[in-house]
Amino acid sequence: MADLPPNNSSPVSGIIQRAKDILLKPKETWPAIAAESATTQSIYIPYVVALAAIGPVARFIGGQLFGFTAFGVTYHPPLGSALGSAILSYGLSLAIVFILALVIDGLAPNFGGQKDQIQALKVAAYSATAGWVGGIFGLLPALGLIGALLGLYGLYLLYLGLPVLMKVPQEKAVGYTVIVVVVAIVLFLIVGAVIASLTAPSLLSIRG
């Protein structure tokens, strides 16, 4: 069974409905997600594969059309490097979901929870929805901060989902969430550093 709401006319409508449900009524949606039969493939395709692309595609388009402005200087990344960065960012986003799921699964017993790789992957994937949807603001780089703030809502989604899917006692959910968030931040910092290391040479060459 695909890990999306049933009885949808198309995969697109299923993705939209699941995103709306997890964003607007997470307390009701997490138990439904926990009860769904799923595989790694059904979680990734089409949900993660589609939503994780929003940010990289939006930033690529926004950077080409409007450029990135800092300290009064507007920079338009070269098409080739911008496309490469978008592809790399997308691939790393897919990898982060899987890595974070391994962390969630591995830490569960330390907080009185139960190990379950599929349930952990569900938590990692669906709690990331807010950040992925917020990535649409990358179309206008000046509004990128709004997308980042929307992504913070994902922390609340994570906090609600961990006890339900990983069977962690509610009183330990905060500590569990904090540790997972710290790991997620480290992963995103690594991704940011990797992408920056590839885009910086092109910027320096233009300045030179």
N, C-alpha and C. Protein backbone atom coordinates (compact mmCIF):
# COMPACT_ATOMS: atom_id res chain seq x y z
N MET A 1 0.85 -1.19 0.00
CA MET A 1 0.00 0.00 0.00
C MET A 1 0.88 1.24 0.00
N ALA A 2 0.58 2.17 -0.88
CA ALA A 2 1.36 3.39 -0.92
C ALA A 2 1.15 4.19 0.34
N ASP A 3 2.22 4.83 0.80
CA ASP A 3 2.16 5.57 2.04
C ASP A 3 1.61 6.97 1.83
N LEU A 4 0.41 7.04 1.21
CA LEU A 4 -0.30 8.28 0.97
C LEU A 4 -1.77 8.04 1.24
N PRO A 5 -2.53 9.09 1.50
CA PRO A 5 -3.94 8.91 1.75
C PRO A 5 -4.60 8.16 0.61
N PRO A 6 -5.49 7.19 0.91
CA PRO A 6 -6.12 6.40 -0.12
C PRO A 6 -7.17 7.18 -0.88
N ASN A 7 -7.65 6.55 -1.97
CA ASN A 7 -8.77 7.07 -2.75
C ASN A 7 -8.50 8.43 -3.38
N ASN A 8 -7.28 8.69 -3.74
CA ASN A 8 -6.97 9.91 -4.46
C ASN A 8 -6.93 9.60 -5.94
N SER A 9 -7.31 10.58 -6.76
CA SER A 9 -7.40 10.35 -8.19
C SER A 9 -6.03 10.32 -8.85
N SER A 10 -5.03 10.88 -8.22
CA SER A 10 -3.69 10.93 -8.80
C SER A 10 -2.66 11.05 -7.70
N PRO A 11 -1.40 10.67 -8.00
CA PRO A 11 -0.33 10.84 -7.00
C PRO A 11 -0.18 12.29 -6.55
N VAL A 12 -0.39 13.23 -7.47
CA VAL A 12 -0.25 14.65 -7.12
C VAL A 12 -1.27 15.04 -6.06
N SER A 13 -2.52 14.62 -6.25
CA SER A 13 -3.55 14.96 -5.27
C SER A 13 -3.26 14.30 -3.93
N GLY A 14 -2.68 13.10 -3.97
CA GLY A 14 -2.31 12.42 -2.73
C GLY A 14 -1.23 13.16 -1.98
N ILE A 15 -0.22 13.67 -2.72
CA ILE A 15 0.85 14.43 -2.11
C ILE A 15 0.31 15.70 -1.47
N ILE A 16 -0.54 16.41 -2.21
CA ILE A 16 -1.10 17.66 -1.71
C ILE A 16 -1.94 17.43 -0.47
N GLN A 17 -2.75 16.37 -0.49
CA GLN A 17 -3.62 16.09 0.64
C GLN A 17 -2.81 15.72 1.88
N ARG A 18 -1.78 14.89 1.70
CA ARG A 18 -0.95 14.49 2.83
C ARG A 18 -0.23 15.70 3.40
N ALA A 19 0.30 16.57 2.53
CA ALA A 19 1.00 17.77 3.01
C ALA A 19 0.05 18.67 3.79
N LYS A 20 -1.15 18.87 3.26
CA LYS A 20 -2.15 19.69 3.97
C LYS A 20 -2.48 19.09 5.33
N ASP A 21 -2.66 17.78 5.36
CA ASP A 21 -3.05 17.11 6.61
C ASP A 21 -1.97 17.25 7.67
N ILE A 22 -0.72 16.99 7.29
CA ILE A 22 0.35 17.01 8.29
C ILE A 22 0.64 18.43 8.75
N LEU A 23 0.40 19.42 7.89
CA LEU A 23 0.65 20.81 8.26
C LEU A 23 -0.49 21.42 9.07
N LEU A 24 -1.73 21.08 8.72
CA LEU A 24 -2.89 21.72 9.32
C LEU A 24 -3.50 20.96 10.48
N LYS A 25 -3.37 19.64 10.47
CA LYS A 25 -3.93 18.84 11.56
C LYS A 25 -2.99 17.69 11.92
N PRO A 26 -1.79 18.04 12.38
CA PRO A 26 -0.78 17.00 12.65
C PRO A 26 -1.17 16.02 13.75
N LYS A 27 -1.88 16.47 14.78
CA LYS A 27 -2.25 15.57 15.87
C LYS A 27 -3.16 14.45 15.39
N GLU A 28 -4.01 14.72 14.43
CA GLU A 28 -4.87 13.68 13.88
C GLU A 28 -4.16 12.85 12.81
N THR A 29 -3.21 13.47 12.12
CA THR A 29 -2.56 12.81 10.99
C THR A 29 -1.47 11.84 11.39
N TRP A 30 -0.72 12.14 12.45
CA TRP A 30 0.37 11.24 12.85
C TRP A 30 -0.13 9.84 13.18
N PRO A 31 -1.22 9.66 13.95
CA PRO A 31 -1.71 8.30 14.20
C PRO A 31 -2.10 7.56 12.92
N ALA A 32 -2.65 8.30 11.96
CA ALA A 32 -3.02 7.67 10.68
C ALA A 32 -1.77 7.22 9.94
N ILE A 33 -0.74 8.04 9.97
CA ILE A 33 0.52 7.68 9.33
C ILE A 33 1.15 6.47 10.02
N ALA A 34 1.08 6.45 11.33
CA ALA A 34 1.66 5.34 12.09
C ALA A 34 1.01 4.01 11.73
N ALA A 35 -0.28 4.05 11.40
CA ALA A 35 -1.02 2.81 11.11
C ALA A 35 -0.86 2.35 9.67
N GLU A 36 -0.29 3.19 8.81
CA GLU A 36 -0.18 2.84 7.40
C GLU A 36 0.93 1.82 7.15
N SER A 37 0.64 0.89 6.26
CA SER A 37 1.66 -0.03 5.81
C SER A 37 2.54 0.71 4.79
N ALA A 38 3.84 0.60 4.94
CA ALA A 38 4.73 1.38 4.07
C ALA A 38 6.06 0.67 3.89
N THR A 39 6.78 1.10 2.88
CA THR A 39 8.15 0.67 2.63
C THR A 39 8.99 1.93 2.41
N THR A 40 10.29 1.76 2.38
CA THR A 40 11.16 2.90 2.10
C THR A 40 10.80 3.52 0.76
N GLN A 41 10.54 2.68 -0.23
CA GLN A 41 10.21 3.18 -1.56
C GLN A 41 8.90 3.94 -1.56
N SER A 42 7.88 3.43 -0.86
CA SER A 42 6.57 4.10 -0.89
C SER A 42 6.58 5.43 -0.14
N ILE A 43 7.50 5.57 0.81
CA ILE A 43 7.62 6.85 1.51
C ILE A 43 8.34 7.87 0.63
N TYR A 44 9.39 7.41 -0.05
CA TYR A 44 10.16 8.31 -0.89
C TYR A 44 9.42 8.67 -2.18
N ILE A 45 8.77 7.68 -2.77
CA ILE A 45 8.12 7.89 -4.07
C ILE A 45 6.61 7.78 -3.91
N PRO A 46 5.86 8.87 -4.18
CA PRO A 46 6.37 10.11 -4.77
C PRO A 46 6.61 11.25 -3.77
N TYR A 47 6.24 11.07 -2.50
CA TYR A 47 6.16 12.18 -1.56
C TYR A 47 7.50 12.90 -1.36
N VAL A 48 8.49 12.20 -0.85
CA VAL A 48 9.77 12.84 -0.55
C VAL A 48 10.44 13.34 -1.83
N VAL A 49 10.43 12.51 -2.86
CA VAL A 49 11.06 12.88 -4.12
C VAL A 49 10.48 14.16 -4.70
N ALA A 50 9.17 14.33 -4.56
CA ALA A 50 8.52 15.52 -5.11
C ALA A 50 8.74 16.75 -4.24
N LEU A 51 8.47 16.63 -2.94
CA LEU A 51 8.54 17.82 -2.08
C LEU A 51 9.96 18.30 -1.85
N ALA A 52 10.91 17.38 -1.78
CA ALA A 52 12.30 17.79 -1.54
C ALA A 52 12.85 18.60 -2.71
N ALA A 53 12.19 18.53 -3.86
CA ALA A 53 12.65 19.26 -5.04
C ALA A 53 12.21 20.72 -5.02
N ILE A 54 11.22 21.07 -4.20
CA ILE A 54 10.66 22.42 -4.22
C ILE A 54 11.73 23.48 -3.96
N GLY A 55 12.46 23.32 -2.87
CA GLY A 55 13.47 24.32 -2.50
C GLY A 55 14.57 24.48 -3.54
N PRO A 56 15.25 23.40 -3.93
CA PRO A 56 16.32 23.53 -4.92
C PRO A 56 15.85 24.14 -6.25
N VAL A 57 14.67 23.73 -6.72
CA VAL A 57 14.15 24.27 -7.98
C VAL A 57 13.81 25.75 -7.83
N ALA A 58 13.16 26.09 -6.71
CA ALA A 58 12.78 27.49 -6.48
C ALA A 58 14.01 28.38 -6.36
N ARG A 59 15.02 27.93 -5.62
CA ARG A 59 16.24 28.75 -5.47
C ARG A 59 16.98 28.90 -6.80
N PHE A 60 16.96 27.84 -7.59
CA PHE A 60 17.62 27.91 -8.91
C PHE A 60 16.93 28.95 -9.78
N ILE A 61 15.61 28.89 -9.84
CA ILE A 61 14.86 29.85 -10.66
C ILE A 61 15.01 31.27 -10.11
N GLY A 62 14.86 31.40 -8.79
CA GLY A 62 14.96 32.72 -8.18
C GLY A 62 16.33 33.34 -8.37
N GLY A 63 17.37 32.52 -8.25
CA GLY A 63 18.72 33.04 -8.42
C GLY A 63 18.98 33.51 -9.84
N GLN A 64 18.42 32.79 -10.82
CA GLN A 64 18.62 33.18 -12.21
C GLN A 64 17.82 34.42 -12.58
N LEU A 65 16.60 34.53 -12.04
CA LEU A 65 15.74 35.66 -12.39
C LEU A 65 16.05 36.92 -11.60
N PHE A 66 16.24 36.78 -10.30
CA PHE A 66 16.38 37.94 -9.43
C PHE A 66 17.77 38.10 -8.82
N GLY A 67 18.51 37.00 -8.72
CA GLY A 67 19.82 37.05 -8.10
C GLY A 67 19.74 37.11 -6.59
N PHE A 68 20.89 36.99 -5.95
CA PHE A 68 20.98 37.04 -4.50
C PHE A 68 21.67 38.35 -4.11
N THR A 69 21.01 39.09 -3.23
CA THR A 69 21.53 40.39 -2.84
C THR A 69 22.09 40.36 -1.42
N ALA A 70 23.30 40.86 -1.25
CA ALA A 70 23.93 40.96 0.07
C ALA A 70 24.84 42.18 0.07
N PHE A 71 24.71 42.98 1.12
CA PHE A 71 25.53 44.18 1.28
C PHE A 71 25.43 45.10 0.05
N GLY A 72 24.23 45.16 -0.50
CA GLY A 72 23.99 46.06 -1.62
C GLY A 72 24.45 45.56 -2.97
N VAL A 73 24.96 44.32 -3.01
CA VAL A 73 25.46 43.74 -4.26
C VAL A 73 24.58 42.57 -4.65
N THR A 74 24.13 42.55 -5.89
CA THR A 74 23.30 41.46 -6.39
C THR A 74 24.14 40.52 -7.24
N TYR A 75 24.06 39.26 -6.93
CA TYR A 75 24.87 38.24 -7.60
C TYR A 75 23.96 37.24 -8.30
N HIS A 76 24.16 37.06 -9.61
CA HIS A 76 23.44 36.06 -10.38
C HIS A 76 24.38 34.89 -10.65
N PRO A 77 24.15 33.74 -10.04
CA PRO A 77 25.06 32.61 -10.22
C PRO A 77 25.10 32.17 -11.69
N PRO A 78 26.25 31.76 -12.18
CA PRO A 78 26.33 31.21 -13.53
C PRO A 78 25.38 30.02 -13.67
N LEU A 79 24.78 29.89 -14.82
CA LEU A 79 23.76 28.85 -15.03
C LEU A 79 24.27 27.46 -14.67
N GLY A 80 25.48 27.14 -15.12
CA GLY A 80 26.01 25.80 -14.90
C GLY A 80 26.22 25.48 -13.43
N SER A 81 26.85 26.40 -12.72
CA SER A 81 27.11 26.15 -11.30
C SER A 81 25.82 26.16 -10.49
N ALA A 82 24.86 27.03 -10.90
CA ALA A 82 23.58 27.09 -10.19
C ALA A 82 22.82 25.78 -10.37
N LEU A 83 22.84 25.25 -11.58
CA LEU A 83 22.16 23.98 -11.84
C LEU A 83 22.83 22.85 -11.07
N GLY A 84 24.17 22.85 -11.06
CA GLY A 84 24.89 21.82 -10.31
C GLY A 84 24.60 21.89 -8.83
N SER A 85 24.54 23.10 -8.28
CA SER A 85 24.24 23.28 -6.86
C SER A 85 22.83 22.79 -6.54
N ALA A 86 21.89 23.08 -7.44
CA ALA A 86 20.50 22.66 -7.22
C ALA A 86 20.39 21.14 -7.20
N ILE A 87 21.07 20.50 -8.13
CA ILE A 87 21.03 19.03 -8.19
C ILE A 87 21.69 18.43 -6.96
N LEU A 88 22.83 18.99 -6.57
CA LEU A 88 23.53 18.50 -5.39
C LEU A 88 22.70 18.70 -4.13
N SER A 89 22.09 19.88 -4.00
CA SER A 89 21.25 20.17 -2.85
C SER A 89 20.09 19.20 -2.77
N TYR A 90 19.50 18.90 -3.90
CA TYR A 90 18.37 17.96 -3.95
C TYR A 90 18.81 16.57 -3.52
N GLY A 91 19.91 16.11 -4.08
CA GLY A 91 20.40 14.77 -3.73
C GLY A 91 20.74 14.65 -2.26
N LEU A 92 21.39 15.68 -1.72
CA LEU A 92 21.74 15.65 -0.30
C LEU A 92 20.50 15.71 0.59
N SER A 93 19.47 16.42 0.14
CA SER A 93 18.22 16.48 0.91
C SER A 93 17.60 15.09 1.02
N LEU A 94 17.62 14.34 -0.06
CA LEU A 94 17.09 12.98 -0.05
C LEU A 94 17.91 12.11 0.91
N ALA A 95 19.22 12.31 0.89
CA ALA A 95 20.09 11.51 1.75
C ALA A 95 19.88 11.86 3.23
N ILE A 96 19.69 13.15 3.52
CA ILE A 96 19.52 13.59 4.90
C ILE A 96 18.30 12.93 5.54
N VAL A 97 17.23 12.80 4.78
CA VAL A 97 16.02 12.16 5.32
C VAL A 97 16.34 10.74 5.79
N PHE A 98 17.08 10.01 4.98
CA PHE A 98 17.42 8.63 5.33
C PHE A 98 18.36 8.58 6.52
N ILE A 99 19.37 9.45 6.53
CA ILE A 99 20.33 9.48 7.64
C ILE A 99 19.63 9.86 8.94
N LEU A 100 18.76 10.86 8.86
CA LEU A 100 18.04 11.30 10.06
C LEU A 100 17.14 10.19 10.58
N ALA A 101 16.57 9.41 9.67
CA ALA A 101 15.74 8.29 10.08
C ALA A 101 16.56 7.25 10.84
N LEU A 102 17.79 7.02 10.41
CA LEU A 102 18.66 6.09 11.12
C LEU A 102 18.95 6.58 12.53
N VAL A 103 19.14 7.89 12.66
CA VAL A 103 19.40 8.49 13.97
C VAL A 103 18.17 8.34 14.87
N ILE A 104 17.01 8.66 14.32
CA ILE A 104 15.75 8.55 15.08
C ILE A 104 15.54 7.12 15.55
N ASP A 105 15.79 6.18 14.65
CA ASP A 105 15.61 4.77 15.00
C ASP A 105 16.62 4.33 16.05
N GLY A 106 17.87 4.73 15.88
CA GLY A 106 18.90 4.30 16.81
C GLY A 106 18.75 4.87 18.21
N LEU A 107 18.21 6.08 18.31
CA LEU A 107 18.06 6.73 19.62
C LEU A 107 16.80 6.30 20.36
N ALA A 108 15.85 5.75 19.66
CA ALA A 108 14.55 5.44 20.27
C ALA A 108 14.64 4.67 21.60
N PRO A 109 15.42 3.59 21.68
CA PRO A 109 15.48 2.84 22.95
C PRO A 109 16.03 3.67 24.11
N ASN A 110 16.88 4.64 23.81
CA ASN A 110 17.45 5.48 24.87
C ASN A 110 16.41 6.38 25.54
N PHE A 111 15.28 6.55 24.87
CA PHE A 111 14.21 7.38 25.41
C PHE A 111 12.95 6.58 25.66
N GLY A 112 13.13 5.28 25.86
CA GLY A 112 12.00 4.41 26.17
C GLY A 112 11.13 4.06 24.99
N GLY A 113 11.65 4.29 23.77
CA GLY A 113 10.87 4.00 22.58
C GLY A 113 11.22 2.66 21.97
N GLN A 114 10.61 2.38 20.82
CA GLN A 114 10.82 1.12 20.12
C GLN A 114 11.48 1.38 18.77
N LYS A 115 12.49 0.58 18.45
CA LYS A 115 13.17 0.71 17.16
C LYS A 115 12.23 0.22 16.05
N ASP A 116 12.16 0.98 14.99
CA ASP A 116 11.37 0.61 13.81
C ASP A 116 11.82 1.52 12.68
N GLN A 117 12.58 0.96 11.74
CA GLN A 117 13.19 1.78 10.70
C GLN A 117 12.16 2.48 9.82
N ILE A 118 11.08 1.79 9.49
CA ILE A 118 10.07 2.39 8.62
C ILE A 118 9.35 3.53 9.34
N GLN A 119 8.99 3.31 10.60
CA GLN A 119 8.33 4.37 11.35
C GLN A 119 9.25 5.57 11.51
N ALA A 120 10.53 5.30 11.73
CA ALA A 120 11.51 6.39 11.85
C ALA A 120 11.62 7.18 10.55
N LEU A 121 11.57 6.46 9.43
CA LEU A 121 11.63 7.13 8.14
C LEU A 121 10.39 7.98 7.91
N LYS A 122 9.25 7.50 8.37
CA LYS A 122 8.02 8.29 8.27
C LYS A 122 8.17 9.61 9.03
N VAL A 123 8.69 9.52 10.24
CA VAL A 123 8.87 10.73 11.06
C VAL A 123 9.80 11.71 10.36
N ALA A 124 10.93 11.22 9.89
CA ALA A 124 11.92 12.09 9.23
C ALA A 124 11.33 12.74 7.99
N ALA A 125 10.59 11.96 7.21
CA ALA A 125 10.05 12.46 5.95
C ALA A 125 8.92 13.46 6.15
N TYR A 126 7.93 13.09 6.94
CA TYR A 126 6.74 13.92 7.04
C TYR A 126 6.94 15.15 7.92
N SER A 127 7.85 15.07 8.88
CA SER A 127 8.12 16.27 9.69
C SER A 127 8.88 17.31 8.89
N ALA A 128 9.49 16.88 7.79
CA ALA A 128 10.23 17.81 6.93
C ALA A 128 9.32 18.57 5.98
N THR A 129 8.04 18.23 5.97
CA THR A 129 7.10 18.84 5.03
C THR A 129 7.09 20.35 5.10
N ALA A 130 7.06 20.91 6.32
CA ALA A 130 6.99 22.37 6.46
C ALA A 130 8.19 23.05 5.80
N GLY A 131 9.37 22.51 6.03
CA GLY A 131 10.56 23.09 5.43
C GLY A 131 10.56 22.99 3.92
N TRP A 132 10.11 21.84 3.41
CA TRP A 132 10.05 21.67 1.96
C TRP A 132 9.06 22.62 1.31
N VAL A 133 7.88 22.72 1.90
CA VAL A 133 6.87 23.63 1.36
C VAL A 133 7.36 25.07 1.45
N GLY A 134 8.01 25.42 2.56
CA GLY A 134 8.55 26.76 2.71
C GLY A 134 9.61 27.09 1.69
N GLY A 135 10.19 26.06 1.08
CA GLY A 135 11.21 26.28 0.07
C GLY A 135 10.72 27.04 -1.14
N ILE A 136 9.40 27.12 -1.32
CA ILE A 136 8.85 27.84 -2.46
C ILE A 136 9.21 29.32 -2.41
N PHE A 137 9.49 29.83 -1.22
CA PHE A 137 9.87 31.24 -1.09
C PHE A 137 11.24 31.51 -1.69
N GLY A 138 11.96 30.45 -2.04
CA GLY A 138 13.23 30.62 -2.72
C GLY A 138 13.09 31.26 -4.09
N LEU A 139 11.86 31.28 -4.62
CA LEU A 139 11.63 31.95 -5.90
C LEU A 139 11.96 33.43 -5.80
N LEU A 140 11.75 34.00 -4.62
CA LEU A 140 12.13 35.39 -4.36
C LEU A 140 13.16 35.37 -3.24
N PRO A 141 14.45 35.36 -3.58
CA PRO A 141 15.51 35.23 -2.56
C PRO A 141 15.35 36.15 -1.37
N ALA A 142 14.77 37.33 -1.58
CA ALA A 142 14.59 38.27 -0.47
C ALA A 142 13.61 37.74 0.56
N LEU A 143 12.77 36.77 0.16
CA LEU A 143 11.78 36.20 1.08
C LEU A 143 12.24 34.85 1.64
N GLY A 144 13.49 34.51 1.38
CA GLY A 144 14.00 33.22 1.84
C GLY A 144 13.87 33.02 3.33
N LEU A 145 13.98 34.11 4.10
CA LEU A 145 13.88 34.00 5.56
C LEU A 145 12.50 33.51 5.98
N ILE A 146 11.47 33.89 5.23
CA ILE A 146 10.11 33.43 5.55
C ILE A 146 10.03 31.91 5.42
N GLY A 147 10.64 31.40 4.37
CA GLY A 147 10.66 29.95 4.18
C GLY A 147 11.40 29.25 5.31
N ALA A 148 12.49 29.87 5.77
CA ALA A 148 13.26 29.29 6.87
C ALA A 148 12.44 29.27 8.15
N LEU A 149 11.69 30.33 8.39
CA LEU A 149 10.85 30.39 9.59
C LEU A 149 9.74 29.36 9.52
N LEU A 150 9.18 29.17 8.32
CA LEU A 150 8.16 28.14 8.17
C LEU A 150 8.74 26.77 8.47
N GLY A 151 10.01 26.59 8.10
CA GLY A 151 10.66 25.32 8.37
C GLY A 151 10.75 25.00 9.85
N LEU A 152 10.76 26.04 10.69
CA LEU A 152 10.81 25.81 12.13
C LEU A 152 9.57 25.07 12.63
N TYR A 153 8.48 25.21 11.90
CA TYR A 153 7.26 24.50 12.26
C TYR A 153 7.50 22.98 12.22
N GLY A 154 8.48 22.60 11.41
CA GLY A 154 8.82 21.19 11.33
C GLY A 154 9.30 20.62 12.66
N LEU A 155 9.87 21.48 13.52
CA LEU A 155 10.31 21.03 14.84
C LEU A 155 9.10 20.60 15.67
N TYR A 156 8.02 21.34 15.55
CA TYR A 156 6.79 20.99 16.26
C TYR A 156 6.21 19.70 15.71
N LEU A 157 6.24 19.55 14.40
CA LEU A 157 5.76 18.31 13.78
C LEU A 157 6.57 17.12 14.27
N LEU A 158 7.87 17.32 14.37
CA LEU A 158 8.76 16.27 14.85
C LEU A 158 8.41 15.90 16.29
N TYR A 159 8.21 16.90 17.12
CA TYR A 159 7.86 16.70 18.52
C TYR A 159 6.56 15.91 18.67
N LEU A 160 5.60 16.19 17.81
CA LEU A 160 4.32 15.47 17.86
C LEU A 160 4.44 14.05 17.32
N GLY A 161 5.29 13.88 16.31
CA GLY A 161 5.36 12.57 15.65
C GLY A 161 6.19 11.53 16.37
N LEU A 162 7.25 11.94 17.03
CA LEU A 162 8.14 10.98 17.69
C LEU A 162 7.43 10.08 18.70
N PRO A 163 6.63 10.63 19.61
CA PRO A 163 5.97 9.75 20.59
C PRO A 163 5.00 8.77 19.95
N VAL A 164 4.33 9.22 18.89
CA VAL A 164 3.30 8.39 18.26
C VAL A 164 3.91 7.25 17.46
N LEU A 165 4.92 7.54 16.66
CA LEU A 165 5.48 6.53 15.78
C LEU A 165 6.59 5.70 16.42
N MET A 166 7.36 6.31 17.32
CA MET A 166 8.47 5.58 17.93
C MET A 166 8.13 5.09 19.34
N LYS A 167 6.89 5.28 19.76
CA LYS A 167 6.40 4.79 21.05
C LYS A 167 7.22 5.32 22.23
N VAL A 168 7.63 6.58 22.12
CA VAL A 168 8.39 7.21 23.19
C VAL A 168 7.42 7.84 24.19
N PRO A 169 7.63 7.63 25.49
CA PRO A 169 6.76 8.26 26.49
C PRO A 169 6.74 9.78 26.31
N GLN A 170 5.59 10.37 26.48
CA GLN A 170 5.43 11.80 26.23
C GLN A 170 6.39 12.64 27.06
N GLU A 171 6.69 12.20 28.29
CA GLU A 171 7.57 13.00 29.14
C GLU A 171 9.02 12.99 28.64
N LYS A 172 9.35 12.07 27.75
CA LYS A 172 10.70 12.03 27.21
C LYS A 172 10.77 12.57 25.78
N ALA A 173 9.64 13.02 25.26
CA ALA A 173 9.58 13.46 23.87
C ALA A 173 10.42 14.71 23.63
N VAL A 174 10.45 15.62 24.61
CA VAL A 174 11.20 16.86 24.43
C VAL A 174 12.69 16.57 24.28
N GLY A 175 13.24 15.75 25.17
CA GLY A 175 14.66 15.42 25.09
C GLY A 175 15.00 14.70 23.80
N TYR A 176 14.14 13.79 23.41
CA TYR A 176 14.32 13.04 22.17
C TYR A 176 14.33 14.01 20.98
N THR A 177 13.37 14.92 20.97
CA THR A 177 13.27 15.89 19.88
C THR A 177 14.51 16.77 19.82
N VAL A 178 14.98 17.23 20.96
CA VAL A 178 16.15 18.12 21.00
C VAL A 178 17.37 17.43 20.39
N ILE A 179 17.60 16.18 20.76
CA ILE A 179 18.76 15.46 20.23
C ILE A 179 18.65 15.28 18.73
N VAL A 180 17.46 14.91 18.26
CA VAL A 180 17.25 14.72 16.82
C VAL A 180 17.45 16.04 16.07
N VAL A 181 16.96 17.13 16.65
CA VAL A 181 17.10 18.44 16.01
C VAL A 181 18.57 18.84 15.92
N VAL A 182 19.33 18.59 16.98
CA VAL A 182 20.76 18.91 16.96
C VAL A 182 21.46 18.15 15.83
N VAL A 183 21.14 16.88 15.70
CA VAL A 183 21.73 16.08 14.62
C VAL A 183 21.32 16.65 13.27
N ALA A 184 20.05 17.02 13.14
CA ALA A 184 19.56 17.58 11.87
C ALA A 184 20.29 18.87 11.53
N ILE A 185 20.51 19.72 12.53
CA ILE A 185 21.22 20.98 12.29
C ILE A 185 22.64 20.71 11.80
N VAL A 186 23.31 19.77 12.43
CA VAL A 186 24.67 19.43 12.02
C VAL A 186 24.68 18.94 10.57
N LEU A 187 23.69 18.11 10.22
CA LEU A 187 23.61 17.60 8.85
C LEU A 187 23.40 18.73 7.85
N PHE A 188 22.50 19.67 8.19
CA PHE A 188 22.23 20.77 7.28
C PHE A 188 23.44 21.71 7.17
N LEU A 189 24.18 21.87 8.25
CA LEU A 189 25.39 22.69 8.20
C LEU A 189 26.42 22.05 7.27
N ILE A 190 26.52 20.75 7.34
CA ILE A 190 27.45 20.04 6.46
C ILE A 190 27.04 20.21 5.01
N VAL A 191 25.73 20.05 4.75
CA VAL A 191 25.22 20.21 3.39
C VAL A 191 25.49 21.63 2.90
N GLY A 192 25.21 22.61 3.77
CA GLY A 192 25.45 24.00 3.38
C GLY A 192 26.90 24.27 3.06
N ALA A 193 27.79 23.68 3.85
CA ALA A 193 29.22 23.88 3.62
C ALA A 193 29.66 23.25 2.29
N VAL A 194 29.12 22.07 2.00
CA VAL A 194 29.46 21.39 0.75
C VAL A 194 29.00 22.21 -0.45
N ILE A 195 27.76 22.69 -0.40
CA ILE A 195 27.23 23.48 -1.51
C ILE A 195 27.98 24.79 -1.65
N ALA A 196 28.28 25.43 -0.51
CA ALA A 196 29.00 26.71 -0.55
C ALA A 196 30.39 26.53 -1.14
N SER A 197 31.03 25.41 -0.84
CA SER A 197 32.38 25.18 -1.35
C SER A 197 32.40 25.05 -2.86
N LEU A 198 31.27 24.65 -3.43
CA LEU A 198 31.19 24.52 -4.88
C LEU A 198 30.78 25.82 -5.57
N THR A 199 29.98 26.62 -4.89
CA THR A 199 29.51 27.88 -5.49
C THR A 199 30.50 29.02 -5.28
N ALA A 200 31.29 28.97 -4.20
CA ALA A 200 32.22 30.06 -3.91
C ALA A 200 33.24 30.30 -5.04
N PRO A 201 33.83 29.25 -5.64
CA PRO A 201 34.82 29.50 -6.70
C PRO A 201 34.23 30.31 -7.84
N SER A 202 32.97 30.03 -8.23
CA SER A 202 32.37 30.77 -9.34
C SER A 202 32.16 32.23 -8.97
N LEU A 203 31.79 32.47 -7.70
CA LEU A 203 31.60 33.85 -7.24
C LEU A 203 32.92 34.61 -7.23
N LEU A 204 33.97 33.94 -6.76
CA LEU A 204 35.27 34.59 -6.70
C LEU A 204 35.81 34.90 -8.08
N SER A 205 35.53 33.98 -9.03
CA SER A 205 36.02 34.20 -10.39
C SER A 205 35.35 35.42 -11.03
N ILE A 206 34.05 35.64 -10.67
CA ILE A 206 33.35 36.79 -11.22
C ILE A 206 33.91 38.07 -10.63
N ARG A 207 34.15 38.07 -9.31
CA ARG A 207 34.70 39.25 -8.65
C ARG A 207 36.07 39.58 -9.20
N GLY A 208 36.82 38.46 -9.50
CA GLY A 208 38.14 38.72 -10.02
C GLY A 208 38.11 39.28 -11.43
